[in-house]
Amino acid sequence: MHFRPLHDRVVVRRIDAEEKTAGGIIIPDTAKEKPQEGEIVAAGPGARDEKGELLPLDVKAGDRVLFGKWSGTEVKIDGEELLIMKESDILGIVEISGSLQRAA
Protein backbone atom coordinates (compact mmCIF):
# COMPACT_ATOMS: atom_id res chain seq x y z
CA MET A 1 0.00 0.00 0.00
CA HIS A 2 1.21 3.52 -0.76
CA PHE A 3 0.11 6.37 1.53
CA ARG A 4 0.32 10.04 0.55
CA PRO A 5 -0.47 12.59 3.27
CA LEU A 6 -2.67 15.56 2.39
CA HIS A 7 -2.14 19.28 2.95
CA ASP A 8 0.41 20.06 5.69
CA ARG A 9 0.55 16.57 7.18
CA VAL A 10 3.64 14.36 7.36
CA VAL A 11 4.24 10.66 8.02
CA VAL A 12 6.99 10.01 10.60
CA ARG A 13 8.82 6.81 11.54
CA ARG A 14 10.04 6.88 15.15
CA ILE A 15 13.77 6.39 15.64
CA ASP A 16 14.44 3.91 18.45
CA ALA A 17 15.95 5.30 21.63
CA GLU A 18 19.25 4.09 23.02
CA GLU A 19 19.23 0.78 24.88
CA LYS A 20 21.78 2.04 27.44
CA THR A 21 22.34 5.21 29.44
CA ALA A 22 25.59 7.16 29.14
CA GLY A 23 26.81 5.32 32.26
CA GLY A 24 26.21 1.90 30.67
CA ILE A 25 22.98 0.98 32.46
CA ILE A 26 20.68 -1.08 30.22
CA ILE A 27 17.12 0.25 30.12
CA PRO A 28 14.40 -2.45 30.10
CA ASP A 29 11.60 -2.15 27.52
CA THR A 30 9.00 -1.50 30.20
CA ALA A 31 10.86 1.59 31.46
CA LYS A 32 11.52 3.13 28.05
CA GLU A 33 9.59 6.15 26.88
CA LYS A 34 8.52 6.41 23.28
CA PRO A 35 11.15 8.33 21.34
CA GLN A 36 10.40 11.90 20.34
CA GLU A 37 12.71 11.78 17.35
CA GLY A 38 11.82 10.43 13.96
CA GLU A 39 12.41 10.42 10.24
CA ILE A 40 10.00 11.91 7.73
CA VAL A 41 8.73 9.13 5.46
CA ALA A 42 6.36 11.24 3.36
CA ALA A 43 5.11 14.81 3.32
CA GLY A 44 2.03 16.45 1.85
CA PRO A 45 2.21 19.27 -0.71
CA GLY A 46 1.59 22.01 1.87
CA ALA A 47 -1.18 24.17 3.27
CA ARG A 48 -3.09 26.86 1.42
CA ASP A 49 -3.31 30.47 2.56
CA GLU A 50 -6.38 32.74 2.44
CA LYS A 51 -5.76 33.49 -1.26
CA GLY A 52 -5.61 29.80 -2.11
CA GLU A 53 -1.88 29.84 -2.80
CA LEU A 54 0.12 26.75 -1.83
CA LEU A 55 2.58 27.23 1.05
CA PRO A 56 5.19 24.43 0.75
CA LEU A 57 6.38 22.55 3.84
CA ASP A 58 9.77 23.19 5.46
CA VAL A 59 10.39 19.45 5.89
CA LYS A 60 10.89 16.72 3.30
CA ALA A 61 11.21 12.94 3.21
CA GLY A 62 14.43 11.83 4.89
CA ASP A 63 14.64 14.71 7.40
CA ARG A 64 15.22 13.76 11.05
CA VAL A 65 12.88 15.73 13.28
CA LEU A 66 11.93 16.22 16.93
CA PHE A 67 8.27 16.32 17.89
CA GLY A 68 6.18 16.67 21.04
CA LYS A 69 5.49 13.73 23.33
CA TRP A 70 1.79 13.52 22.47
CA SER A 71 2.03 14.65 18.84
CA GLY A 72 0.44 12.84 15.94
CA THR A 73 -1.85 9.90 15.41
CA GLU A 74 -0.39 6.39 15.50
CA VAL A 75 -1.25 4.25 12.47
CA LYS A 76 -0.09 0.90 11.15
CA ILE A 77 0.73 0.83 7.42
CA ASP A 78 2.03 -2.40 5.88
CA GLY A 79 2.74 -3.73 9.39
CA GLU A 80 4.91 -0.74 10.32
CA GLU A 81 3.92 1.63 13.13
CA LEU A 82 4.04 5.24 11.91
CA LEU A 83 2.81 8.65 13.06
CA ILE A 84 0.76 11.11 11.04
CA MET A 85 1.01 14.69 12.25
CA LYS A 86 0.75 18.26 11.07
CA GLU A 87 3.94 20.10 10.27
CA SER A 88 3.16 22.50 13.13
CA ASP A 89 3.57 19.56 15.60
CA ILE A 90 7.23 19.27 14.58
CA LEU A 91 9.54 21.16 16.93
CA GLY A 92 12.58 21.21 14.65
CA ILE A 93 14.87 19.43 12.21
CA VAL A 94 17.90 17.59 13.61
CA GLU A 95 21.01 18.39 11.61
CA ILE A 96 23.99 16.14 12.21
CA SER A 97 27.35 17.67 11.35
CA GLY A 98 29.86 15.62 9.38
CA SER A 99 32.08 14.97 12.42
CA LEU A 100 29.18 13.64 14.49
CA GLN A 101 28.01 11.32 11.70
CA ARG A 102 31.43 9.64 11.49
CA ALA A 103 31.65 9.19 15.27
CA ALA A 104 28.21 7.58 15.55
PDB file of N, CA and C in Angstrom:
ATOM      1  N   MET A   1       0.852  -1.179   0.000  1.00  0.00           N
ATOM      2  CA  MET A   1       0.000   0.000   0.000  1.00  0.00           C
ATOM      3  C   MET A   1       0.895   1.238   0.000  1.00  0.00           C
ATOM      4  N   HIS A   2       0.495   2.240  -0.736  1.00  0.00           N
ATOM      5  CA  HIS A   2       1.209   3.516  -0.756  1.00  0.00           C
ATOM      6  C   HIS A   2       0.312   4.556  -0.095  1.00  0.00           C
ATOM      7  N   PHE A   3       0.886   5.359   0.807  1.00  0.00           N
ATOM      8  CA  PHE A   3       0.113   6.369   1.526  1.00  0.00           C
ATOM      9  C   PHE A   3       0.711   7.733   1.238  1.00  0.00           C
ATOM     10  N   ARG A   4      -0.114   8.676   0.830  1.00  0.00           N
ATOM     11  CA  ARG A   4       0.318  10.043   0.548  1.00  0.00           C
ATOM     12  C   ARG A   4      -0.463  10.977   1.458  1.00  0.00           C
ATOM     13  N   PRO A   5       0.233  11.674   2.372  1.00  0.00           N
ATOM     14  CA  PRO A   5      -0.475  12.588   3.268  1.00  0.00           C
ATOM     15  C   PRO A   5      -0.990  13.812   2.512  1.00  0.00           C
ATOM     16  N   LEU A   6      -2.061  14.387   3.018  1.00  0.00           N
ATOM     17  CA  LEU A   6      -2.666  15.556   2.393  1.00  0.00           C
ATOM     18  C   LEU A   6      -2.265  16.829   3.129  1.00  0.00           C
ATOM     19  N   HIS A   7      -2.349  17.922   2.409  1.00  0.00           N
ATOM     20  CA  HIS A   7      -2.145  19.275   2.949  1.00  0.00           C
ATOM     21  C   HIS A   7      -0.813  19.386   3.679  1.00  0.00           C
ATOM     22  N   ASP A   8      -0.841  19.835   4.949  1.00  0.00           N
ATOM     23  CA  ASP A   8       0.407  20.064   5.691  1.00  0.00           C
ATOM     24  C   ASP A   8       0.708  18.924   6.671  1.00  0.00           C
ATOM     25  N   ARG A   9       0.293  17.724   6.324  1.00  0.00           N
ATOM     26  CA  ARG A   9       0.549  16.569   7.182  1.00  0.00           C
ATOM     27  C   ARG A   9       1.793  15.826   6.707  1.00  0.00           C
ATOM     28  N   VAL A  10       2.453  15.159   7.658  1.00  0.00           N
ATOM     29  CA  VAL A  10       3.636  14.357   7.360  1.00  0.00           C
ATOM     30  C   VAL A  10       3.497  12.990   8.017  1.00  0.00           C
ATOM     31  N   VAL A  11       4.184  12.004   7.443  1.00  0.00           N
ATOM     32  CA  VAL A  11       4.244  10.664   8.019  1.00  0.00           C
ATOM     33  C   VAL A  11       5.643  10.504   8.597  1.00  0.00           C
ATOM     34  N   VAL A  12       5.714  10.100   9.881  1.00  0.00           N
ATOM     35  CA  VAL A  12       6.990  10.011  10.598  1.00  0.00           C
ATOM     36  C   VAL A  12       7.189   8.595  11.125  1.00  0.00           C
ATOM     37  N   ARG A  13       8.416   8.092  10.948  1.00  0.00           N
ATOM     38  CA  ARG A  13       8.820   6.812  11.544  1.00  0.00           C
ATOM     39  C   ARG A  13       9.673   7.137  12.766  1.00  0.00           C
ATOM     40  N   ARG A  14       9.262   6.636  13.924  1.00  0.00           N
ATOM     41  CA  ARG A  14      10.038   6.885  15.149  1.00  0.00           C
ATOM     42  C   ARG A  14      11.417   6.242  15.025  1.00  0.00           C
ATOM     43  N   ILE A  15      12.421   6.926  15.569  1.00  0.00           N
ATOM     44  CA  ILE A  15      13.775   6.385  15.636  1.00  0.00           C
ATOM     45  C   ILE A  15      13.952   5.844  17.043  1.00  0.00           C
ATOM     46  N   ASP A  16      14.328   4.578  17.148  1.00  0.00           N
ATOM     47  CA  ASP A  16      14.442   3.915  18.445  1.00  0.00           C
ATOM     48  C   ASP A  16      15.442   4.610  19.352  1.00  0.00           C
ATOM     49  N   ALA A  17      15.085   4.689  20.617  1.00  0.00           N
ATOM     50  CA  ALA A  17      15.948   5.300  21.626  1.00  0.00           C
ATOM     51  C   ALA A  17      17.089   4.347  21.969  1.00  0.00           C
ATOM     52  N   GLU A  18      18.097   4.893  22.609  1.00  0.00           N
ATOM     53  CA  GLU A  18      19.250   4.094  23.021  1.00  0.00           C
ATOM     54  C   GLU A  18      18.834   3.023  24.023  1.00  0.00           C
ATOM     55  N   GLU A  19      19.492   1.881  23.959  1.00  0.00           N
ATOM     56  CA  GLU A  19      19.233   0.775  24.882  1.00  0.00           C
ATOM     57  C   GLU A  19      19.933   0.979  26.230  1.00  0.00           C
ATOM     58  N   LYS A  20      20.996   1.823  26.229  1.00  0.00           N
ATOM     59  CA  LYS A  20      21.776   2.044  27.443  1.00  0.00           C
ATOM     60  C   LYS A  20      21.843   3.530  27.762  1.00  0.00           C
ATOM     61  N   THR A  21      22.080   3.825  29.033  1.00  0.00           N
ATOM     62  CA  THR A  21      22.337   5.207  29.437  1.00  0.00           C
ATOM     63  C   THR A  21      23.806   5.517  29.164  1.00  0.00           C
ATOM     64  N   ALA A  22      24.191   6.766  29.344  1.00  0.00           N
ATOM     65  CA  ALA A  22      25.587   7.158  29.142  1.00  0.00           C
ATOM     66  C   ALA A  22      26.514   6.412  30.101  1.00  0.00           C
ATOM     67  N   GLY A  23      26.012   6.045  31.271  1.00  0.00           N
ATOM     68  CA  GLY A  23      26.806   5.315  32.258  1.00  0.00           C
ATOM     69  C   GLY A  23      26.859   3.818  32.022  1.00  0.00           C
ATOM     70  N   GLY A  24      26.166   3.322  31.004  1.00  0.00           N
ATOM     71  CA  GLY A  24      26.208   1.904  30.675  1.00  0.00           C
ATOM     72  C   GLY A  24      25.078   1.077  31.252  1.00  0.00           C
ATOM     73  N   ILE A  25      24.107   1.709  31.889  1.00  0.00           N
ATOM     74  CA  ILE A  25      22.979   0.977  32.463  1.00  0.00           C
ATOM     75  C   ILE A  25      22.001   0.633  31.350  1.00  0.00           C
ATOM     76  N   ILE A  26      21.623  -0.631  31.253  1.00  0.00           N
ATOM     77  CA  ILE A  26      20.683  -1.076  30.223  1.00  0.00           C
ATOM     78  C   ILE A  26      19.264  -0.766  30.679  1.00  0.00           C
ATOM     79  N   ILE A  27      18.487  -0.146  29.803  1.00  0.00           N
ATOM     80  CA  ILE A  27      17.116   0.251  30.123  1.00  0.00           C
ATOM     81  C   ILE A  27      16.159  -0.839  29.646  1.00  0.00           C
ATOM     82  N   PRO A  28      15.354  -1.420  30.541  1.00  0.00           N
ATOM     83  CA  PRO A  28      14.396  -2.445  30.100  1.00  0.00           C
ATOM     84  C   PRO A  28      13.272  -1.831  29.264  1.00  0.00           C
ATOM     85  N   ASP A  29      12.665  -2.631  28.397  1.00  0.00           N
ATOM     86  CA  ASP A  29      11.603  -2.154  27.517  1.00  0.00           C
ATOM     87  C   ASP A  29      10.448  -1.507  28.271  1.00  0.00           C
ATOM     88  N   THR A  30      10.131  -2.038  29.450  1.00  0.00           N
ATOM     89  CA  THR A  30       8.997  -1.503  30.203  1.00  0.00           C
ATOM     90  C   THR A  30       9.257  -0.109  30.748  1.00  0.00           C
ATOM     91  N   ALA A  31      10.521   0.278  30.903  1.00  0.00           N
ATOM     92  CA  ALA A  31      10.856   1.586  31.458  1.00  0.00           C
ATOM     93  C   ALA A  31      11.132   2.631  30.381  1.00  0.00           C
ATOM     94  N   LYS A  32      11.204   2.199  29.134  1.00  0.00           N
ATOM     95  CA  LYS A  32      11.524   3.134  28.054  1.00  0.00           C
ATOM     96  C   LYS A  32      10.326   4.008  27.721  1.00  0.00           C
ATOM     97  N   GLU A  33      10.616   5.254  27.407  1.00  0.00           N
ATOM     98  CA  GLU A  33       9.587   6.147  26.885  1.00  0.00           C
ATOM     99  C   GLU A  33       9.636   6.070  25.370  1.00  0.00           C
ATOM    100  N   LYS A  34       8.524   6.394  24.733  1.00  0.00           N
ATOM    101  CA  LYS A  34       8.521   6.414  23.280  1.00  0.00           C
ATOM    102  C   LYS A  34       9.428   7.543  22.815  1.00  0.00           C
ATOM    103  N   PRO A  35      10.244   7.273  21.803  1.00  0.00           N
ATOM    104  CA  PRO A  35      11.152   8.325  21.339  1.00  0.00           C
ATOM    105  C   PRO A  35      10.400   9.500  20.738  1.00  0.00           C
ATOM    106  N   GLN A  36      10.991  10.682  20.881  1.00  0.00           N
ATOM    107  CA  GLN A  36      10.398  11.895  20.338  1.00  0.00           C
ATOM    108  C   GLN A  36      11.198  12.385  19.142  1.00  0.00           C
ATOM    109  N   GLU A  37      11.938  11.470  18.542  1.00  0.00           N
ATOM    110  CA  GLU A  37      12.712  11.779  17.352  1.00  0.00           C
ATOM    111  C   GLU A  37      12.296  10.803  16.267  1.00  0.00           C
ATOM    112  N   GLY A  38      12.231  11.296  15.049  1.00  0.00           N
ATOM    113  CA  GLY A  38      11.821  10.426  13.965  1.00  0.00           C
ATOM    114  C   GLY A  38      12.336  10.908  12.627  1.00  0.00           C
ATOM    115  N   GLU A  39      12.016  10.107  11.613  1.00  0.00           N
ATOM    116  CA  GLU A  39      12.408  10.424  10.244  1.00  0.00           C
ATOM    117  C   GLU A  39      11.151  10.609   9.407  1.00  0.00           C
ATOM    118  N   ILE A  40      11.132  11.661   8.602  1.00  0.00           N
ATOM    119  CA  ILE A  40       9.996  11.912   7.726  1.00  0.00           C
ATOM    120  C   ILE A  40       9.993  10.866   6.625  1.00  0.00           C
ATOM    121  N   VAL A  41       8.888  10.135   6.503  1.00  0.00           N
ATOM    122  CA  VAL A  41       8.732   9.127   5.463  1.00  0.00           C
ATOM    123  C   VAL A  41       8.071   9.741   4.231  1.00  0.00           C
ATOM    124  N   ALA A  42       7.070  10.574   4.455  1.00  0.00           N
ATOM    125  CA  ALA A  42       6.355  11.238   3.363  1.00  0.00           C
ATOM    126  C   ALA A  42       5.793  12.556   3.867  1.00  0.00           C
ATOM    127  N   ALA A  43       5.649  13.501   2.954  1.00  0.00           N
ATOM    128  CA  ALA A  43       5.114  14.814   3.316  1.00  0.00           C
ATOM    129  C   ALA A  43       4.085  15.241   2.278  1.00  0.00           C
ATOM    130  N   GLY A  44       3.050  15.924   2.747  1.00  0.00           N
ATOM    131  CA  GLY A  44       2.029  16.451   1.845  1.00  0.00           C
ATOM    132  C   GLY A  44       2.561  17.640   1.061  1.00  0.00           C
ATOM    133  N   PRO A  45       1.762  18.157   0.136  1.00  0.00           N
ATOM    134  CA  PRO A  45       2.209  19.269  -0.706  1.00  0.00           C
ATOM    135  C   PRO A  45       2.310  20.597   0.038  1.00  0.00           C
ATOM    136  N   GLY A  46       1.566  20.767   1.110  1.00  0.00           N
ATOM    137  CA  GLY A  46       1.591  22.013   1.869  1.00  0.00           C
ATOM    138  C   GLY A  46       0.193  22.532   2.115  1.00  0.00           C
ATOM    139  N   ALA A  47       0.121  23.564   2.937  1.00  0.00           N
ATOM    140  CA  ALA A  47      -1.175  24.170   3.269  1.00  0.00           C
ATOM    141  C   ALA A  47      -1.468  25.300   2.284  1.00  0.00           C
ATOM    142  N   ARG A  48      -2.694  25.741   2.273  1.00  0.00           N
ATOM    143  CA  ARG A  48      -3.087  26.859   1.416  1.00  0.00           C
ATOM    144  C   ARG A  48      -3.400  28.067   2.290  1.00  0.00           C
ATOM    145  N   ASP A  49      -3.006  29.250   1.816  1.00  0.00           N
ATOM    146  CA  ASP A  49      -3.305  30.474   2.559  1.00  0.00           C
ATOM    147  C   ASP A  49      -4.693  30.992   2.179  1.00  0.00           C
ATOM    148  N   GLU A  50      -5.046  32.180   2.673  1.00  0.00           N
ATOM    149  CA  GLU A  50      -6.382  32.745   2.438  1.00  0.00           C
ATOM    150  C   GLU A  50      -6.656  32.998   0.953  1.00  0.00           C
ATOM    151  N   LYS A  51      -5.610  33.234   0.180  1.00  0.00           N
ATOM    152  CA  LYS A  51      -5.760  33.494  -1.261  1.00  0.00           C
ATOM    153  C   LYS A  51      -5.803  32.206  -2.076  1.00  0.00           C
ATOM    154  N   GLY A  52      -5.595  31.076  -1.409  1.00  0.00           N
ATOM    155  CA  GLY A  52      -5.610  29.801  -2.107  1.00  0.00           C
ATOM    156  C   GLY A  52      -4.252  29.391  -2.654  1.00  0.00           C
ATOM    157  N   GLU A  53      -3.214  30.153  -2.322  1.00  0.00           N
ATOM    158  CA  GLU A  53      -1.875  29.838  -2.800  1.00  0.00           C
ATOM    159  C   GLU A  53      -1.241  28.771  -1.911  1.00  0.00           C
ATOM    160  N   LEU A  54      -0.511  27.850  -2.538  1.00  0.00           N
ATOM    161  CA  LEU A  54       0.117  26.749  -1.827  1.00  0.00           C
ATOM    162  C   LEU A  54       1.360  27.226  -1.082  1.00  0.00           C
ATOM    163  N   LEU A  55       1.419  26.923   0.222  1.00  0.00           N
ATOM    164  CA  LEU A  55       2.584  27.231   1.050  1.00  0.00           C
ATOM    165  C   LEU A  55       3.335  25.920   1.277  1.00  0.00           C
ATOM    166  N   PRO A  56       4.487  25.716   0.624  1.00  0.00           N
ATOM    167  CA  PRO A  56       5.192  24.434   0.754  1.00  0.00           C
ATOM    168  C   PRO A  56       5.694  24.194   2.179  1.00  0.00           C
ATOM    169  N   LEU A  57       5.897  22.928   2.512  1.00  0.00           N
ATOM    170  CA  LEU A  57       6.383  22.549   3.835  1.00  0.00           C
ATOM    171  C   LEU A  57       7.879  22.818   3.956  1.00  0.00           C
ATOM    172  N   ASP A  58       8.345  23.001   5.194  1.00  0.00           N
ATOM    173  CA  ASP A  58       9.768  23.194   5.460  1.00  0.00           C
ATOM    174  C   ASP A  58      10.507  21.874   5.616  1.00  0.00           C
ATOM    175  N   VAL A  59       9.771  20.764   5.729  1.00  0.00           N
ATOM    176  CA  VAL A  59      10.388  19.448   5.894  1.00  0.00           C
ATOM    177  C   VAL A  59      10.163  18.629   4.628  1.00  0.00           C
ATOM    178  N   LYS A  60      11.022  17.608   4.456  1.00  0.00           N
ATOM    179  CA  LYS A  60      10.886  16.719   3.296  1.00  0.00           C
ATOM    180  C   LYS A  60      11.221  15.299   3.733  1.00  0.00           C
ATOM    181  N   ALA A  61      10.901  14.337   2.907  1.00  0.00           N
ATOM    182  CA  ALA A  61      11.206  12.939   3.205  1.00  0.00           C
ATOM    183  C   ALA A  61      12.702  12.791   3.469  1.00  0.00           C
ATOM    184  N   GLY A  62      13.041  12.053   4.517  1.00  0.00           N
ATOM    185  CA  GLY A  62      14.432  11.825   4.885  1.00  0.00           C
ATOM    186  C   GLY A  62      14.930  12.719   6.008  1.00  0.00           C
ATOM    187  N   ASP A  63      14.232  13.818   6.310  1.00  0.00           N
ATOM    188  CA  ASP A  63      14.641  14.708   7.395  1.00  0.00           C
ATOM    189  C   ASP A  63      14.435  14.020   8.742  1.00  0.00           C
ATOM    190  N   ARG A  64      15.392  14.221   9.666  1.00  0.00           N
ATOM    191  CA  ARG A  64      15.222  13.763  11.055  1.00  0.00           C
ATOM    192  C   ARG A  64      14.640  14.920  11.837  1.00  0.00           C
ATOM    193  N   VAL A  65      13.589  14.658  12.583  1.00  0.00           N
ATOM    194  CA  VAL A  65      12.883  15.725  13.285  1.00  0.00           C
ATOM    195  C   VAL A  65      12.624  15.362  14.739  1.00  0.00           C
ATOM    196  N   LEU A  66      12.384  16.388  15.552  1.00  0.00           N
ATOM    197  CA  LEU A  66      11.935  16.224  16.930  1.00  0.00           C
ATOM    198  C   LEU A  66      10.485  16.677  16.988  1.00  0.00           C
ATOM    199  N   PHE A  67       9.683  15.967  17.760  1.00  0.00           N
ATOM    200  CA  PHE A  67       8.272  16.317  17.888  1.00  0.00           C
ATOM    201  C   PHE A  67       7.842  16.152  19.338  1.00  0.00           C
ATOM    202  N   GLY A  68       6.692  16.721  19.677  1.00  0.00           N
ATOM    203  CA  GLY A  68       6.175  16.670  21.036  1.00  0.00           C
ATOM    204  C   GLY A  68       5.795  15.266  21.459  1.00  0.00           C
ATOM    205  N   LYS A  69       5.772  15.053  22.759  1.00  0.00           N
ATOM    206  CA  LYS A  69       5.493  13.733  23.329  1.00  0.00           C
ATOM    207  C   LYS A  69       4.149  13.166  22.888  1.00  0.00           C
ATOM    208  N   TRP A  70       3.138  13.993  22.795  1.00  0.00           N
ATOM    209  CA  TRP A  70       1.793  13.522  22.469  1.00  0.00           C
ATOM    210  C   TRP A  70       1.382  13.899  21.048  1.00  0.00           C
ATOM    211  N   SER A  71       2.334  14.209  20.200  1.00  0.00           N
ATOM    212  CA  SER A  71       2.028  14.648  18.838  1.00  0.00           C
ATOM    213  C   SER A  71       1.627  13.480  17.946  1.00  0.00           C
ATOM    214  N   GLY A  72       0.770  13.782  17.006  1.00  0.00           N
ATOM    215  CA  GLY A  72       0.440  12.837  15.944  1.00  0.00           C
ATOM    216  C   GLY A  72      -0.552  11.764  16.315  1.00  0.00           C
ATOM    217  N   THR A  73      -0.934  11.028  15.288  1.00  0.00           N
ATOM    218  CA  THR A  73      -1.845   9.897  15.406  1.00  0.00           C
ATOM    219  C   THR A  73      -1.103   8.651  14.975  1.00  0.00           C
ATOM    220  N   GLU A  74      -1.081   7.635  15.829  1.00  0.00           N
ATOM    221  CA  GLU A  74      -0.385   6.395  15.502  1.00  0.00           C
ATOM    222  C   GLU A  74      -1.225   5.583  14.538  1.00  0.00           C
ATOM    223  N   VAL A  75      -0.594   5.104  13.463  1.00  0.00           N
ATOM    224  CA  VAL A  75      -1.246   4.254  12.473  1.00  0.00           C
ATOM    225  C   VAL A  75      -0.318   3.098  12.138  1.00  0.00           C
ATOM    226  N   LYS A  76      -0.884   2.040  11.595  1.00  0.00           N
ATOM    227  CA  LYS A  76      -0.089   0.902  11.150  1.00  0.00           C
ATOM    228  C   LYS A  76      -0.299   0.773   9.647  1.00  0.00           C
ATOM    229  N   ILE A  77       0.781   0.931   8.876  1.00  0.00           N
ATOM    230  CA  ILE A  77       0.728   0.828   7.419  1.00  0.00           C
ATOM    231  C   ILE A  77       1.712  -0.247   6.995  1.00  0.00           C
ATOM    232  N   ASP A  78       1.214  -1.261   6.315  1.00  0.00           N
ATOM    233  CA  ASP A  78       2.033  -2.402   5.880  1.00  0.00           C
ATOM    234  C   ASP A  78       2.784  -3.027   7.048  1.00  0.00           C
ATOM    235  N   GLY A  79       2.147  -3.101   8.221  1.00  0.00           N
ATOM    236  CA  GLY A  79       2.739  -3.727   9.391  1.00  0.00           C
ATOM    237  C   GLY A  79       3.732  -2.856  10.139  1.00  0.00           C
ATOM    238  N   GLU A  80       3.961  -1.640   9.675  1.00  0.00           N
ATOM    239  CA  GLU A  80       4.914  -0.736  10.322  1.00  0.00           C
ATOM    240  C   GLU A  80       4.152   0.343  11.075  1.00  0.00           C
ATOM    241  N   GLU A  81       4.567   0.591  12.334  1.00  0.00           N
ATOM    242  CA  GLU A  81       3.918   1.627  13.133  1.00  0.00           C
ATOM    243  C   GLU A  81       4.499   2.987  12.773  1.00  0.00           C
ATOM    244  N   LEU A  82       3.638   3.903  12.341  1.00  0.00           N
ATOM    245  CA  LEU A  82       4.037   5.239  11.914  1.00  0.00           C
ATOM    246  C   LEU A  82       3.171   6.273  12.616  1.00  0.00           C
ATOM    247  N   LEU A  83       3.579   7.536  12.525  1.00  0.00           N
ATOM    248  CA  LEU A  83       2.807   8.650  13.065  1.00  0.00           C
ATOM    249  C   LEU A  83       2.416   9.568  11.920  1.00  0.00           C
ATOM    250  N   ILE A  84       1.184  10.063  11.968  1.00  0.00           N
ATOM    251  CA  ILE A  84       0.756  11.107  11.035  1.00  0.00           C
ATOM    252  C   ILE A  84       0.510  12.347  11.872  1.00  0.00           C
ATOM    253  N   MET A  85       1.165  13.445  11.494  1.00  0.00           N
ATOM    254  CA  MET A  85       1.015  14.689  12.250  1.00  0.00           C
ATOM    255  C   MET A  85       1.079  15.876  11.314  1.00  0.00           C
ATOM    256  N   LYS A  86       0.630  17.012  11.819  1.00  0.00           N
ATOM    257  CA  LYS A  86       0.748  18.263  11.072  1.00  0.00           C
ATOM    258  C   LYS A  86       2.167  18.780  11.209  1.00  0.00           C
ATOM    259  N   GLU A  87       2.592  19.535  10.213  1.00  0.00           N
ATOM    260  CA  GLU A  87       3.939  20.098  10.266  1.00  0.00           C
ATOM    261  C   GLU A  87       4.116  20.971  11.506  1.00  0.00           C
ATOM    262  N   SER A  88       3.070  21.619  11.960  1.00  0.00           N
ATOM    263  CA  SER A  88       3.165  22.496  13.131  1.00  0.00           C
ATOM    264  C   SER A  88       3.462  21.720  14.416  1.00  0.00           C
ATOM    265  N   ASP A  89       3.242  20.384  14.433  1.00  0.00           N
ATOM    266  CA  ASP A  89       3.565  19.562  15.597  1.00  0.00           C
ATOM    267  C   ASP A  89       5.061  19.261  15.691  1.00  0.00           C
ATOM    268  N   ILE A  90       5.798  19.527  14.609  1.00  0.00           N
ATOM    269  CA  ILE A  90       7.235  19.266  14.584  1.00  0.00           C
ATOM    270  C   ILE A  90       7.944  20.438  15.236  1.00  0.00           C
ATOM    271  N   LEU A  91       8.829  20.121  16.185  1.00  0.00           N
ATOM    272  CA  LEU A  91       9.544  21.157  16.927  1.00  0.00           C
ATOM    273  C   LEU A  91      10.766  21.660  16.169  1.00  0.00           C
ATOM    274  N   GLY A  92      11.393  20.792  15.389  1.00  0.00           N
ATOM    275  CA  GLY A  92      12.578  21.210  14.645  1.00  0.00           C
ATOM    276  C   GLY A  92      13.201  20.057  13.888  1.00  0.00           C
ATOM    277  N   ILE A  93      14.136  20.404  13.006  1.00  0.00           N
ATOM    278  CA  ILE A  93      14.869  19.433  12.208  1.00  0.00           C
ATOM    279  C   ILE A  93      16.218  19.208  12.875  1.00  0.00           C
ATOM    280  N   VAL A  94      16.609  17.944  13.014  1.00  0.00           N
ATOM    281  CA  VAL A  94      17.896  17.593  13.613  1.00  0.00           C
ATOM    282  C   VAL A  94      18.923  17.540  12.494  1.00  0.00           C
ATOM    283  N   GLU A  95      19.938  18.380  12.601  1.00  0.00           N
ATOM    284  CA  GLU A  95      21.014  18.385  11.611  1.00  0.00           C
ATOM    285  C   GLU A  95      22.257  17.822  12.269  1.00  0.00           C
ATOM    286  N   ILE A  96      22.796  16.783  11.668  1.00  0.00           N
ATOM    287  CA  ILE A  96      23.991  16.139  12.210  1.00  0.00           C
ATOM    288  C   ILE A  96      25.183  16.614  11.384  1.00  0.00           C
ATOM    289  N   SER A  97      26.166  17.213  12.064  1.00  0.00           N
ATOM    290  CA  SER A  97      27.354  17.670  11.349  1.00  0.00           C
ATOM    291  C   SER A  97      28.188  16.482  10.903  1.00  0.00           C
ATOM    292  N   GLY A  98      29.040  16.691   9.941  1.00  0.00           N
ATOM    293  CA  GLY A  98      29.865  15.622   9.375  1.00  0.00           C
ATOM    294  C   GLY A  98      30.688  14.889  10.415  1.00  0.00           C
ATOM    295  N   SER A  99      31.251  15.614  11.415  1.00  0.00           N
ATOM    296  CA  SER A  99      32.084  14.970  12.416  1.00  0.00           C
ATOM    297  C   SER A  99      31.266  14.070  13.337  1.00  0.00           C
ATOM    298  N   LEU A 100      30.032  14.466  13.632  1.00  0.00           N
ATOM    299  CA  LEU A 100      29.183  13.645  14.493  1.00  0.00           C
ATOM    300  C   LEU A 100      28.715  12.395  13.765  1.00  0.00           C
ATOM    301  N   GLN A 101      28.456  12.485  12.461  1.00  0.00           N
ATOM    302  CA  GLN A 101      28.013  11.315  11.704  1.00  0.00           C
ATOM    303  C   GLN A 101      29.088  10.237  11.702  1.00  0.00           C
ATOM    304  N   ARG A 102      30.356  10.618  11.548  1.00  0.00           N
ATOM    305  CA  ARG A 102      31.426   9.639  11.495  1.00  0.00           C
ATOM    306  C   ARG A 102      31.641   8.976  12.853  1.00  0.00           C
ATOM    307  N   ALA A 103      31.426   9.731  13.927  1.00  0.00           N
ATOM    308  CA  ALA A 103      31.646   9.194  15.269  1.00  0.00           C
ATOM    309  C   ALA A 103      30.547   8.215  15.670  1.00  0.00           C
ATOM    310  N   ALA A 104      29.353   8.394  15.144  1.00  0.00           N
ATOM    311  CA  ALA A 104      28.213   7.576  15.546  1.00  0.00           C
ATOM    312  C   ALA A 104      28.200   6.209  14.944  1.00  0.00           C
TER     313      ALA A 104
END
